[in-house]
Amino acid sequence: MNLNNLTPALGSVKTRKRIGRGQGSGLGGTSTRGHKGAKSRSGYSKKIGFEGGQMPIQRRLPKFGFKNINRIEYKAINLETIDALAIAHKLTKVGPEELREAGFLSKNALVKILGKGNLTSKLEVVANAFSKSAEEAIVAAGGTAVKL
């Protein structure tokens, strides 16, 4: 075996279709595009959402709902998560910075503390918002709930 007699495995290499190279090739004439119509012409591009003249789905379905431009979206964090974080890292203060470092928050997310679970240690919890039950649980554990 030499470099000059190496060949690819049988059937592994296909020859490409040479379209529009005369009638003798079998792919001349209409060049596999069929007869007439927009799709046979150069420069054809279908509009987004076009369904062949059928009423498109975005026009068949009714409009509904609205987006409240004043909505403030919070990332919800439960007390059990905060307690586990405080125990694991031996923290006395848990705020957005600590939650970001632990991977619970993205860069500009606002935090709301919810009351699922319970606190076992006295903590200072800093957040943008608290549920009533969470605030009560933090105070009951001897800690403080600080709103940003």
Protein backbone atom coordinates (compact mmCIF):
# COMPACT_ATOMS: atom_id res chain seq x y z
CA MET A 1 0.00 0.00 0.00
CA ASN A 2 1.33 3.39 -1.05
CA LEU A 3 -0.02 6.94 -0.94
CA ASN A 4 -0.65 6.83 -4.70
CA ASN A 5 -3.10 3.91 -4.50
CA LEU A 6 -5.19 5.00 -1.48
CA THR A 7 -8.89 5.44 -2.35
CA PRO A 8 -11.99 6.16 -0.26
CA ALA A 9 -14.24 3.24 0.70
CA LEU A 10 -16.78 2.24 -1.94
CA GLY A 11 -19.99 4.28 -1.66
CA SER A 12 -18.54 6.83 0.76
CA VAL A 13 -18.04 9.59 -1.83
CA LYS A 14 -20.99 10.89 -3.87
CA THR A 15 -20.61 13.07 -6.95
CA ARG A 16 -22.50 16.35 -6.59
CA LYS A 17 -25.47 17.23 -8.84
CA ARG A 18 -24.32 19.57 -11.62
CA ILE A 19 -27.58 21.39 -12.25
CA GLY A 20 -28.19 23.50 -15.38
CA ARG A 21 -25.35 22.06 -17.47
CA GLY A 22 -27.33 21.09 -20.58
CA GLN A 23 -29.98 18.57 -21.59
CA GLY A 24 -27.50 15.72 -21.90
CA SER A 25 -26.84 15.78 -18.16
CA GLY A 26 -30.52 15.11 -17.41
CA LEU A 27 -30.51 18.14 -15.09
CA GLY A 28 -30.68 20.92 -17.69
CA GLY A 29 -33.78 22.82 -18.89
CA THR A 30 -35.69 23.71 -15.76
CA SER A 31 -32.76 22.68 -13.51
CA THR A 32 -34.94 20.63 -11.11
CA ARG A 33 -37.17 23.66 -10.40
CA GLY A 34 -40.31 22.49 -12.22
CA HIS A 35 -42.28 24.71 -14.62
CA LYS A 36 -43.10 28.40 -14.09
CA GLY A 37 -44.22 30.06 -10.83
CA ALA A 38 -42.33 32.12 -8.27
CA LYS A 39 -40.27 29.19 -7.03
CA SER A 40 -38.78 28.63 -10.48
CA ARG A 41 -37.43 32.19 -10.73
CA SER A 42 -34.16 33.58 -9.38
CA GLY A 43 -34.40 35.84 -6.34
CA TYR A 44 -37.45 34.02 -4.94
CA SER A 45 -37.88 34.13 -1.19
CA LYS A 46 -41.05 33.27 0.67
CA LYS A 47 -42.32 35.77 3.24
CA ILE A 48 -42.09 34.69 6.88
CA GLY A 49 -45.36 33.08 7.94
CA PHE A 50 -46.59 32.58 4.35
CA GLU A 51 -48.71 29.43 4.08
CA GLY A 52 -49.34 29.22 0.34
CA GLY A 53 -52.30 31.62 0.29
CA GLN A 54 -54.07 29.90 3.18
CA MET A 55 -54.95 32.31 6.00
CA PRO A 56 -51.77 32.26 8.14
CA ILE A 57 -51.94 31.06 11.74
CA GLN A 58 -50.99 34.46 13.16
CA ARG A 59 -54.08 35.93 11.45
CA ARG A 60 -56.41 33.01 12.22
CA LEU A 61 -55.85 33.16 15.98
CA PRO A 62 -57.31 36.04 18.02
CA LYS A 63 -55.23 38.53 19.95
CA PHE A 64 -55.39 38.19 23.73
CA GLY A 65 -53.72 39.41 26.91
CA PHE A 66 -51.39 42.30 27.53
CA LYS A 67 -47.98 43.03 29.06
CA ASN A 68 -47.95 45.18 32.16
CA ILE A 69 -45.12 47.68 31.67
CA ASN A 70 -45.03 48.43 35.41
CA ARG A 71 -44.48 44.80 36.48
CA ILE A 72 -41.57 44.24 38.85
CA GLU A 73 -40.24 40.71 38.64
CA TYR A 74 -38.51 39.20 41.68
CA LYS A 75 -36.41 36.07 41.98
CA ALA A 76 -38.06 34.05 44.75
CA ILE A 77 -35.76 32.53 47.38
CA ASN A 78 -37.14 30.43 50.25
CA LEU A 79 -36.01 30.52 53.88
CA GLU A 80 -34.85 26.89 53.67
CA THR A 81 -32.41 27.89 50.90
CA ILE A 82 -31.09 30.81 52.95
CA ASP A 83 -30.71 28.60 56.03
CA ALA A 84 -28.78 25.95 54.06
CA LEU A 85 -26.54 28.66 52.56
CA ALA A 86 -25.87 30.24 55.97
CA ILE A 87 -24.99 26.87 57.53
CA ALA A 88 -22.76 25.80 54.61
CA HIS A 89 -20.77 29.07 54.50
CA LYS A 90 -21.11 30.05 58.20
CA LEU A 91 -22.77 33.39 57.38
CA THR A 92 -24.41 35.89 59.75
CA LYS A 93 -25.66 38.16 56.95
CA VAL A 94 -27.32 36.93 53.76
CA GLY A 95 -27.95 39.45 50.98
CA PRO A 96 -28.02 39.64 47.20
CA GLU A 97 -24.20 39.53 46.99
CA GLU A 98 -24.00 36.23 48.90
CA LEU A 99 -26.85 34.76 46.83
CA ARG A 100 -25.12 35.85 43.60
CA GLU A 101 -21.85 34.23 44.66
CA ALA A 102 -23.72 31.00 45.49
CA GLY A 103 -25.28 31.05 42.00
CA PHE A 104 -28.91 31.70 42.97
CA LEU A 105 -29.14 35.13 41.31
CA SER A 106 -28.17 36.72 38.05
CA LYS A 107 -26.45 40.12 37.90
CA ASN A 108 -29.43 42.53 38.07
CA ALA A 109 -32.13 40.29 39.59
CA LEU A 110 -34.29 41.58 42.45
CA VAL A 111 -34.81 39.22 45.41
CA LYS A 112 -37.98 38.34 47.30
CA ILE A 113 -37.70 36.10 50.35
CA LEU A 114 -40.53 33.60 50.79
CA GLY A 115 -41.47 31.73 53.95
CA LYS A 116 -41.07 28.06 52.99
CA GLY A 117 -38.89 26.22 55.51
CA ASN A 118 -37.56 27.64 58.77
CA LEU A 119 -34.45 29.37 60.07
CA THR A 120 -32.26 27.65 62.63
CA SER A 121 -29.81 30.51 63.11
CA LYS A 122 -29.98 34.24 63.87
CA LEU A 123 -29.44 36.01 60.54
CA GLU A 124 -29.55 39.47 59.04
CA VAL A 125 -31.37 38.95 55.74
CA VAL A 126 -31.15 41.72 53.13
CA ALA A 127 -33.56 41.66 50.15
CA ASN A 128 -35.77 43.81 47.92
CA ALA A 129 -39.00 42.31 49.29
CA PHE A 130 -40.24 39.84 51.92
CA SER A 131 -43.43 37.86 52.28
CA LYS A 132 -45.20 38.34 55.64
CA SER A 133 -44.51 34.77 56.73
CA ALA A 134 -40.81 35.07 55.85
CA GLU A 135 -40.42 38.33 57.74
CA GLU A 136 -42.17 36.84 60.80
CA ALA A 137 -39.97 33.70 60.68
CA ILE A 138 -36.75 35.76 60.46
CA VAL A 139 -37.77 37.92 63.45
CA ALA A 140 -38.91 34.82 65.40
CA ALA A 141 -35.44 33.28 64.89
CA GLY A 142 -33.88 36.44 66.41
CA GLY A 143 -32.69 37.91 63.11
CA THR A 144 -33.55 41.06 61.17
CA ALA A 145 -35.17 41.53 57.76
CA VAL A 146 -33.68 44.54 55.93
CA LYS A 147 -35.36 45.88 52.79
CA LEU A 148 -33.17 47.45 50.13
